[in-house]
Amino acid sequence: MLEELAFADDAVAACVDAAAWALPEQDLIAALDAVHRLEQRLAAVKLALVREVDGRGTARTQGASCTAVWLRERLRLTIPAARRLIDLATALDTGNPGIRQALADGAISLDQARVIADTATTVQATADAETADKAVGVLVGWAAQFDPTHLRKLGTRILDHVAPDIAETAAQAALDAEARRATHDRHHLTLSEQTDGRLRLTGTLDAETAGLLRAAIDPLTTPSGPDDTRSPGQRRHDALTDICRLTLRTGQLPDSGGDPAQIVVTTTYDELTRQLSSGTLDTGLNLTPDTVRRLACDATILPAVLGGTGQVLDVGRQRRLITGPLRRALVLRDRGCTFPGCDRPPRWCDAHHIHHWADGGTTSLTNAVLLCGHHHRHVHQTDWVVRLGDDGHPEFIPPAWLDPEQLPRRNHYHRRT
């Protein structure tokens, strides 16, 4: 396979610099069609490889917490894109050979394959495998005429075409099942980080939680006066902010990585006093100078001295356990799990002794790194070696079986300087 892919790579490379402007219009369109078909056929190969990687557990063997995280680091994908690849690869491997073949033939696109696979799964759950196969055949034929969005709409009535005798009964059963799920299983809350640092909240609350939220948020959403021009949505946003602040002030939340639940803002003292400084949250998001000054009015300020590379030089009195000022210094330096490819934030991390305490290691900043639970266990159970580089930041030496040259690796998801 590697030899064949190398030939294909050479062929594509030869086309990259070809003069598309010189092609007659008919050849230009034919070339576009050929490239699109080739893209889909390569997608079928890629899905087969992803399925094999996932099935073997390659990601965990190489230190990642799951295949999606490994694909993000290896192929520079987003986590949602990686999960979609894995889900489709699994669906095509465990059934639906007609979809896999249509993709391999270049007859359908990757997005169309997802739509057809989703529909086939629904049909099989509602009817049977034979009916699902018929639905796949019909949808693959329609894919030559309709884009994925239209194809999904057509799929909602596919039983009318492949099994009209059970279509009405199946539709009613699907509605009943949806009603039961809405009553029992559908309460959830999803937090999705946007590219500009904002957070999108979506979800469905059960009746009790909805009542609690309304009781807490409604009194805070009242307009503050005739000059309050905020929309209802903006007032609810600000009310949620007030609720979070009130909750943090109770002091009754569980600890977060050894410290009380808190917001950590990094800035410089001189610029803070001159009212010029922006700041950085421990999640990596930037704050305006006005926001930093406002938060500083109601905050405990921990002095920390940084070197030119961002290395923490002094944070006051050290303790035996990696808590308090020492842990905050570790958060300031590492910004999250330091294992290569991991983006888990500080509050999800343990403080790991590079030279174990039981073996005479000290509890100090130069002998500690932040690791999430998964990678903390992984480092203890495998041959990965952790050390601090010349600039004082953590780096990891992979085992020889993974990288014969054992080149040091670093986490690039938390670095901001």
Protein backbone atom coordinates (compact mmCIF):
# COMPACT_ATOMS: atom_id res chain seq x y z
CA MET A 1 0.00 0.00 0.00
CA LEU A 2 2.81 2.44 0.83
CA GLU A 3 4.36 1.95 -2.60
CA GLU A 4 1.06 2.57 -4.37
CA LEU A 5 0.43 5.68 -2.27
CA ALA A 6 3.92 6.93 -3.13
CA PHE A 7 3.11 6.56 -6.86
CA ALA A 8 -0.15 8.43 -6.32
CA ASP A 9 1.68 11.16 -4.44
CA ASP A 10 4.12 11.60 -7.32
CA ALA A 11 1.24 11.78 -9.80
CA VAL A 12 -0.55 14.44 -7.76
CA ALA A 13 2.71 16.39 -7.34
CA ALA A 14 3.07 16.45 -11.12
CA CYS A 15 -0.38 18.01 -11.41
CA VAL A 16 0.11 20.71 -8.76
CA ASP A 17 2.17 22.98 -10.99
CA ALA A 18 0.42 22.07 -14.23
CA ALA A 19 -0.93 25.05 -16.15
CA ALA A 20 -4.69 24.84 -15.55
CA TRP A 21 -5.13 28.05 -17.54
CA ALA A 22 -3.98 26.25 -20.69
CA LEU A 23 -6.71 23.61 -20.58
CA PRO A 24 -9.69 23.87 -22.93
CA GLU A 25 -12.93 24.32 -21.03
CA GLN A 26 -14.07 20.75 -21.58
CA ASP A 27 -10.75 19.38 -20.26
CA LEU A 28 -10.83 21.81 -17.34
CA ILE A 29 -14.22 20.49 -16.23
CA ALA A 30 -13.13 16.88 -16.80
CA ALA A 31 -10.02 17.48 -14.67
CA LEU A 32 -12.13 18.96 -11.86
CA ASP A 33 -14.44 15.93 -11.96
CA ALA A 34 -11.44 13.58 -11.87
CA VAL A 35 -9.87 15.37 -8.89
CA HIS A 36 -13.17 15.28 -7.00
CA ARG A 37 -13.61 11.56 -7.68
CA LEU A 38 -10.03 10.86 -6.62
CA GLU A 39 -10.59 12.84 -3.42
CA GLN A 40 -13.54 10.61 -2.48
CA ARG A 41 -11.64 7.41 -3.28
CA LEU A 42 -8.74 8.56 -1.10
CA ALA A 43 -11.26 9.33 1.63
CA ALA A 44 -12.35 5.68 1.54
CA VAL A 45 -8.73 4.59 2.01
CA LYS A 46 -8.28 7.12 4.82
CA LEU A 47 -11.37 5.84 6.65
CA ALA A 48 -10.10 2.25 6.44
CA LEU A 49 -6.78 3.34 7.95
CA VAL A 50 -8.48 5.36 10.68
CA ARG A 51 -10.65 2.38 11.56
CA GLU A 52 -7.59 0.14 11.84
CA VAL A 53 -5.73 2.67 14.00
CA ASP A 54 -8.77 2.95 16.27
CA GLY A 55 -9.34 -0.78 16.44
CA ARG A 56 -5.71 -1.52 17.36
CA GLY A 57 -5.65 1.06 20.14
CA THR A 58 -2.67 2.76 18.51
CA ALA A 59 -3.53 6.11 20.09
CA ARG A 60 -3.29 4.86 23.68
CA THR A 61 -0.16 2.87 22.91
CA GLN A 62 1.49 6.11 21.78
CA GLY A 63 0.30 8.05 24.82
CA ALA A 64 -2.87 9.80 23.63
CA SER A 65 -6.06 9.56 25.68
CA CYS A 66 -8.15 8.54 22.65
CA THR A 67 -7.98 8.21 18.88
CA ALA A 68 -9.57 11.63 18.29
CA VAL A 69 -6.85 13.37 20.30
CA TRP A 70 -4.15 11.37 18.50
CA LEU A 71 -5.60 12.31 15.09
CA ARG A 72 -5.70 15.97 16.08
CA GLU A 73 -2.00 15.89 16.91
CA ARG A 74 -1.00 13.68 13.97
CA LEU A 75 -3.11 15.19 11.19
CA ARG A 76 -3.74 18.65 12.70
CA LEU A 77 -7.50 18.14 12.75
CA THR A 78 -9.99 19.63 15.15
CA ILE A 79 -11.40 17.21 17.70
CA PRO A 80 -14.94 17.35 16.17
CA ALA A 81 -13.52 16.61 12.70
CA ALA A 82 -11.50 13.71 14.08
CA ARG A 83 -14.54 12.26 15.84
CA ARG A 84 -16.61 12.49 12.67
CA LEU A 85 -13.93 10.54 10.82
CA ILE A 86 -13.84 7.85 13.51
CA ASP A 87 -17.64 7.57 13.67
CA LEU A 88 -17.98 7.21 9.91
CA ALA A 89 -15.07 4.77 9.70
CA THR A 90 -16.75 2.63 12.37
CA ALA A 91 -20.14 2.80 10.65
CA LEU A 92 -18.72 1.73 7.29
CA ASP A 93 -16.67 -1.05 8.87
CA THR A 94 -19.47 -2.59 10.92
CA GLY A 95 -22.00 -2.56 8.09
CA ASN A 96 -23.15 -0.68 5.02
CA PRO A 97 -20.75 -2.20 2.46
CA GLY A 98 -22.73 -0.43 -0.25
CA ILE A 99 -21.77 2.97 1.18
CA ARG A 100 -18.12 2.01 1.47
CA GLN A 101 -18.06 0.77 -2.12
CA ALA A 102 -19.81 3.88 -3.44
CA LEU A 103 -17.24 6.08 -1.71
CA ALA A 104 -14.37 3.93 -2.98
CA ASP A 105 -15.80 4.23 -6.52
CA GLY A 106 -15.94 8.01 -6.19
CA ALA A 107 -19.70 7.95 -6.69
CA ILE A 108 -20.53 9.80 -3.45
CA SER A 109 -18.77 12.41 -1.34
CA LEU A 110 -17.66 12.05 2.27
CA ASP A 111 -20.54 14.25 3.48
CA GLN A 112 -23.04 12.24 1.44
CA ALA A 113 -21.61 9.03 2.92
CA ARG A 114 -22.26 10.39 6.43
CA VAL A 115 -25.87 11.22 5.55
CA ILE A 116 -26.49 7.79 4.00
CA ALA A 117 -24.85 5.98 6.93
CA ASP A 118 -26.96 7.91 9.45
CA THR A 119 -30.13 7.16 7.52
CA ALA A 120 -29.26 3.47 7.15
CA THR A 121 -28.72 3.20 10.91
CA THR A 122 -32.12 4.76 11.58
CA VAL A 123 -33.85 2.51 9.05
CA GLN A 124 -32.24 -0.63 10.46
CA ALA A 125 -33.34 0.29 13.98
CA THR A 126 -36.86 0.97 12.73
CA ALA A 127 -37.22 -1.91 10.25
CA ASP A 128 -34.46 -4.46 9.54
CA ALA A 129 -31.07 -4.90 7.84
CA GLU A 130 -32.58 -5.86 4.49
CA THR A 131 -34.67 -2.69 4.38
CA ALA A 132 -31.59 -0.66 5.38
CA ASP A 133 -29.66 -2.12 2.43
CA LYS A 134 -32.47 -1.13 0.08
CA ALA A 135 -32.43 2.39 1.54
CA VAL A 136 -28.68 2.62 0.93
CA GLY A 137 -29.14 1.63 -2.71
CA VAL A 138 -31.81 4.27 -3.26
CA LEU A 139 -29.84 7.01 -1.50
CA VAL A 140 -26.62 6.22 -3.38
CA GLY A 141 -28.57 6.62 -6.60
CA TRP A 142 -30.04 9.93 -5.44
CA ALA A 143 -26.57 11.16 -4.43
CA ALA A 144 -25.79 11.71 -8.11
CA GLN A 145 -28.47 14.45 -8.12
CA PHE A 146 -28.68 15.87 -4.61
CA ASP A 147 -26.27 17.54 -2.20
CA PRO A 148 -25.92 16.24 1.40
CA THR A 149 -28.49 18.64 2.87
CA HIS A 150 -31.19 17.70 0.36
CA LEU A 151 -30.22 14.04 0.63
CA ARG A 152 -30.79 14.13 4.40
CA LYS A 153 -34.25 15.61 3.90
CA LEU A 154 -35.09 12.86 1.41
CA GLY A 155 -33.78 10.28 3.87
CA THR A 156 -36.42 11.20 6.43
CA ARG A 157 -39.07 9.70 4.11
CA ILE A 158 -36.99 6.86 2.69
CA LEU A 159 -39.30 4.16 4.06
CA ASP A 160 -42.06 5.48 1.80
CA HIS A 161 -39.89 4.29 -1.10
CA VAL A 162 -38.35 1.06 0.19
CA ALA A 163 -40.96 -0.21 2.68
CA PRO A 164 -44.25 1.67 2.27
CA ASP A 165 -46.17 -1.00 4.18
CA ILE A 166 -44.40 -0.14 7.44
CA ALA A 167 -43.59 3.55 6.82
CA GLU A 168 -46.51 4.99 8.80
CA THR A 169 -46.06 2.63 11.74
CA ALA A 170 -42.32 3.27 11.80
CA ALA A 171 -42.81 7.04 11.73
CA GLN A 172 -45.15 6.85 14.73
CA ALA A 173 -42.72 4.59 16.58
CA ALA A 174 -39.92 7.06 15.93
CA LEU A 175 -42.03 9.91 17.32
CA ASP A 176 -42.89 7.88 20.43
CA ALA A 177 -39.24 7.00 20.98
CA GLU A 178 -38.25 10.66 20.64
CA ALA A 179 -40.87 11.63 23.23
CA ARG A 180 -39.53 9.02 25.69
CA ARG A 181 -35.97 10.23 25.19
CA ALA A 182 -37.05 13.81 25.76
CA THR A 183 -38.61 12.76 29.06
CA HIS A 184 -35.82 10.58 30.43
CA ASP A 185 -32.50 10.76 28.62
CA ARG A 186 -32.10 14.06 26.88
CA HIS A 187 -30.93 16.40 29.65
CA HIS A 188 -27.40 17.58 28.92
CA LEU A 189 -25.25 20.69 28.73
CA THR A 190 -22.57 21.21 26.09
CA LEU A 191 -19.81 23.83 26.32
CA SER A 192 -18.17 24.52 22.95
CA GLU A 193 -15.17 26.85 22.80
CA GLN A 194 -15.25 29.20 19.82
CA THR A 195 -12.17 30.29 17.87
CA ASP A 196 -12.29 33.80 19.35
CA GLY A 197 -12.28 32.52 22.95
CA ARG A 198 -15.99 32.80 23.60
CA LEU A 199 -18.00 29.83 24.85
CA ARG A 200 -21.19 28.53 23.28
CA LEU A 201 -23.68 26.91 25.67
CA THR A 202 -26.25 24.48 24.31
CA GLY A 203 -28.30 21.85 26.04
CA THR A 204 -31.60 20.62 27.38
CA LEU A 205 -32.44 20.79 31.10
CA ASP A 206 -34.82 18.50 32.94
CA ALA A 207 -37.81 20.08 34.68
CA GLU A 208 -36.16 20.34 38.11
CA THR A 209 -32.94 21.90 36.81
CA ALA A 210 -34.91 24.28 34.60
CA GLY A 211 -36.86 25.43 37.65
CA LEU A 212 -33.66 25.96 39.64
CA LEU A 213 -32.06 27.94 36.82
CA ARG A 214 -35.07 30.18 36.37
CA ALA A 215 -35.33 30.78 40.12
CA ALA A 216 -31.67 31.83 40.21
CA ILE A 217 -31.44 33.77 36.96
CA ASP A 218 -34.80 35.54 36.62
CA PRO A 219 -34.29 38.05 39.49
CA LEU A 220 -30.97 39.08 37.90
CA THR A 221 -32.35 39.65 34.40
CA THR A 222 -34.56 42.61 35.27
CA PRO A 223 -33.48 45.79 33.44
CA SER A 224 -31.43 47.95 35.79
CA GLY A 225 -33.29 51.10 34.77
CA PRO A 226 -34.71 53.10 31.87
CA ASP A 227 -31.22 53.51 30.40
CA ASP A 228 -30.55 49.74 30.31
CA THR A 229 -30.36 49.00 26.57
CA ARG A 230 -29.26 45.37 26.91
CA SER A 231 -31.31 42.78 25.05
CA PRO A 232 -32.96 39.95 27.04
CA GLY A 233 -30.24 37.59 25.84
CA GLN A 234 -27.52 39.96 27.03
CA ARG A 235 -29.22 40.34 30.42
CA ARG A 236 -29.37 36.55 30.81
CA HIS A 237 -25.66 36.37 29.93
CA ASP A 238 -24.80 38.96 32.59
CA ALA A 239 -27.06 37.20 35.11
CA LEU A 240 -25.18 33.95 34.57
CA THR A 241 -21.93 35.84 35.20
CA ASP A 242 -23.33 37.14 38.51
CA ILE A 243 -24.43 33.65 39.55
CA CYS A 244 -20.95 32.25 38.87
CA ARG A 245 -19.32 35.05 40.87
CA LEU A 246 -21.69 34.48 43.78
CA THR A 247 -21.01 30.75 43.70
CA LEU A 248 -17.24 31.20 43.68
CA ARG A 249 -17.49 33.51 46.71
CA THR A 250 -19.25 30.88 48.82
CA GLY A 251 -16.02 28.91 49.21
CA GLN A 252 -18.04 25.69 49.12
CA LEU A 253 -17.08 24.41 45.67
CA PRO A 254 -14.86 21.31 45.45
CA ASP A 255 -11.13 21.88 45.05
CA SER A 256 -9.78 22.23 41.53
CA GLY A 257 -6.39 20.56 41.24
CA GLY A 258 -5.52 21.21 44.89
CA ASP A 259 -6.63 24.85 44.98
CA PRO A 260 -10.06 26.33 45.67
CA ALA A 261 -12.11 27.01 42.54
CA GLN A 262 -10.84 30.31 41.19
CA ILE A 263 -10.08 32.44 38.16
CA VAL A 264 -6.34 32.85 37.55
CA VAL A 265 -5.20 35.92 35.60
CA THR A 266 -1.56 36.45 34.65
CA THR A 267 -0.35 40.01 34.13
CA THR A 268 2.57 42.26 35.15
CA TYR A 269 2.58 44.35 38.31
CA ASP A 270 4.10 47.49 36.79
CA GLU A 271 1.66 47.60 33.90
CA LEU A 272 -1.25 46.77 36.22
CA THR A 273 -0.44 49.76 38.45
CA ARG A 274 -0.06 51.98 35.38
CA GLN A 275 -3.46 50.67 34.14
CA LEU A 276 -1.98 49.50 30.85
CA SER A 277 -1.77 45.75 31.20
CA SER A 278 -3.76 43.12 29.40
CA GLY A 279 -3.96 39.71 31.06
CA THR A 280 -4.19 36.02 30.30
CA LEU A 281 -6.53 33.47 31.91
CA ASP A 282 -5.21 30.04 32.85
CA THR A 283 -7.32 28.71 29.97
CA GLY A 284 -5.17 30.71 27.53
CA LEU A 285 -7.72 33.43 26.69
CA ASN A 286 -6.69 37.10 26.72
CA LEU A 287 -8.39 39.84 28.73
CA THR A 288 -8.51 43.57 28.11
CA PRO A 289 -6.79 46.01 30.50
CA ASP A 290 -10.19 47.19 31.79
CA THR A 291 -11.21 43.63 32.65
CA VAL A 292 -7.89 42.92 34.38
CA ARG A 293 -8.23 46.05 36.56
CA ARG A 294 -11.81 45.17 37.48
CA LEU A 295 -10.87 41.63 38.50
CA ALA A 296 -7.88 42.93 40.47
CA CYS A 297 -10.22 45.00 42.65
CA ASP A 298 -11.60 41.78 44.16
CA ALA A 299 -8.62 39.44 43.98
CA THR A 300 -5.71 38.00 45.87
CA ILE A 301 -2.54 39.05 44.07
CA LEU A 302 0.26 36.47 44.12
CA PRO A 303 3.65 37.99 43.28
CA ALA A 304 5.71 35.95 40.85
CA VAL A 305 9.03 36.77 39.22
CA LEU A 306 9.49 35.55 35.64
CA GLY A 307 12.64 35.19 33.58
CA GLY A 308 12.91 36.32 29.98
CA THR A 309 11.61 32.99 28.64
CA GLY A 310 8.62 32.93 30.99
CA GLN A 311 10.40 30.69 33.48
CA VAL A 312 9.16 31.17 37.04
CA LEU A 313 12.13 32.24 39.18
CA ASP A 314 10.52 32.89 42.57
CA VAL A 315 7.04 32.56 44.06
CA GLY A 316 7.73 32.95 47.75
CA ARG A 317 7.64 30.18 50.36
CA GLN A 318 7.55 26.59 49.10
CA ARG A 319 5.63 23.78 50.76
CA ARG A 320 6.13 20.06 50.94
CA LEU A 321 3.01 19.31 48.86
CA ILE A 322 2.53 20.85 45.43
CA THR A 323 -0.30 23.13 46.48
CA GLY A 324 -0.84 26.81 47.13
CA PRO A 325 1.81 29.17 45.71
CA LEU A 326 3.90 26.32 44.34
CA ARG A 327 1.01 24.86 42.34
CA ARG A 328 0.06 28.32 41.09
CA ALA A 329 3.63 28.78 39.91
CA LEU A 330 3.42 25.42 38.14
CA VAL A 331 0.19 26.52 36.42
CA LEU A 332 1.83 29.79 35.46
CA ARG A 333 4.71 27.93 33.81
CA ASP A 334 2.98 24.90 32.24
CA ARG A 335 -0.50 26.33 31.45
CA GLY A 336 -2.01 22.81 31.35
CA CYS A 337 -1.06 19.18 30.78
CA THR A 338 2.49 19.20 29.42
CA PHE A 339 2.37 15.85 27.59
CA PRO A 340 2.77 16.41 23.82
CA GLY A 341 -0.56 16.80 22.05
CA CYS A 342 -2.74 17.24 25.17
CA ASP A 343 -4.85 20.39 25.61
CA ARG A 344 -6.39 19.67 29.01
CA PRO A 345 -6.42 22.74 31.28
CA PRO A 346 -4.66 23.12 34.66
CA ARG A 347 -7.74 22.34 36.70
CA TRP A 348 -7.81 18.83 35.21
CA CYS A 349 -4.15 18.18 36.03
CA ASP A 350 -2.07 16.57 38.78
CA ALA A 351 1.37 17.79 39.76
CA HIS A 352 3.85 15.05 38.85
CA HIS A 353 7.29 14.74 40.47
CA ILE A 354 9.89 14.31 37.72
CA HIS A 355 12.18 12.60 40.23
CA HIS A 356 9.75 10.73 42.45
CA TRP A 357 9.42 11.88 46.08
CA ALA A 358 9.85 8.30 47.30
CA ASP A 359 13.19 8.15 45.48
CA GLY A 360 14.52 11.33 47.07
CA GLY A 361 13.05 13.88 44.70
CA THR A 362 12.25 17.32 46.06
CA THR A 363 8.92 19.10 45.97
CA SER A 364 10.02 22.06 43.92
CA LEU A 365 9.22 23.82 40.70
CA THR A 366 12.26 22.32 38.98
CA ASN A 367 11.08 18.81 39.85
CA ALA A 368 7.43 19.08 38.87
CA VAL A 369 5.23 19.17 35.77
CA LEU A 370 1.48 19.28 35.24
CA LEU A 371 -0.08 16.12 33.80
CA CYS A 372 -3.73 15.22 33.30
CA GLY A 373 -4.92 12.01 34.92
CA HIS A 374 -4.51 9.93 31.77
CA HIS A 375 -0.98 11.09 31.02
CA HIS A 376 0.04 10.95 34.68
CA ARG A 377 -0.77 7.24 34.65
CA HIS A 378 0.79 6.80 31.21
CA VAL A 379 4.12 8.34 32.25
CA HIS A 380 4.27 6.13 35.36
CA GLN A 381 3.46 2.97 33.41
CA THR A 382 5.60 3.43 30.28
CA ASP A 383 9.13 4.36 29.23
CA TRP A 384 8.49 8.02 28.47
CA VAL A 385 11.08 10.25 30.16
CA VAL A 386 10.21 13.72 31.46
CA ARG A 387 12.76 16.48 31.94
CA LEU A 388 13.03 20.26 31.92
CA GLY A 389 14.73 21.76 28.89
CA ASP A 390 17.43 24.41 28.95
CA ASP A 391 14.75 27.11 29.06
CA GLY A 392 13.08 25.53 32.11
CA HIS A 393 10.03 24.18 30.27
CA PRO A 394 9.05 20.48 30.20
CA GLU A 395 9.96 18.15 27.37
CA PHE A 396 9.36 14.44 26.88
CA ILE A 397 11.67 11.76 25.47
CA PRO A 398 9.64 9.03 23.72
CA PRO A 399 10.55 5.35 24.14
CA ALA A 400 12.93 3.93 21.52
CA TRP A 401 10.25 1.67 19.99
CA LEU A 402 8.18 4.75 19.17
CA ASP A 403 11.03 6.98 18.00
CA PRO A 404 14.43 5.30 17.50
CA GLU A 405 16.12 8.72 17.55
CA GLN A 406 14.27 9.64 20.78
CA LEU A 407 13.98 13.29 19.84
CA PRO A 408 12.52 15.45 22.64
CA ARG A 409 8.89 16.47 22.17
CA ARG A 410 6.99 19.38 23.68
CA ASN A 411 3.40 20.41 24.13
CA HIS A 412 2.56 23.34 21.84
CA TYR A 413 -1.08 23.80 22.81
CA HIS A 414 -0.42 25.90 25.91
CA ARG A 415 2.52 28.05 24.82
CA ARG A 416 1.61 31.69 24.34
CA THR A 417 5.04 33.32 24.21
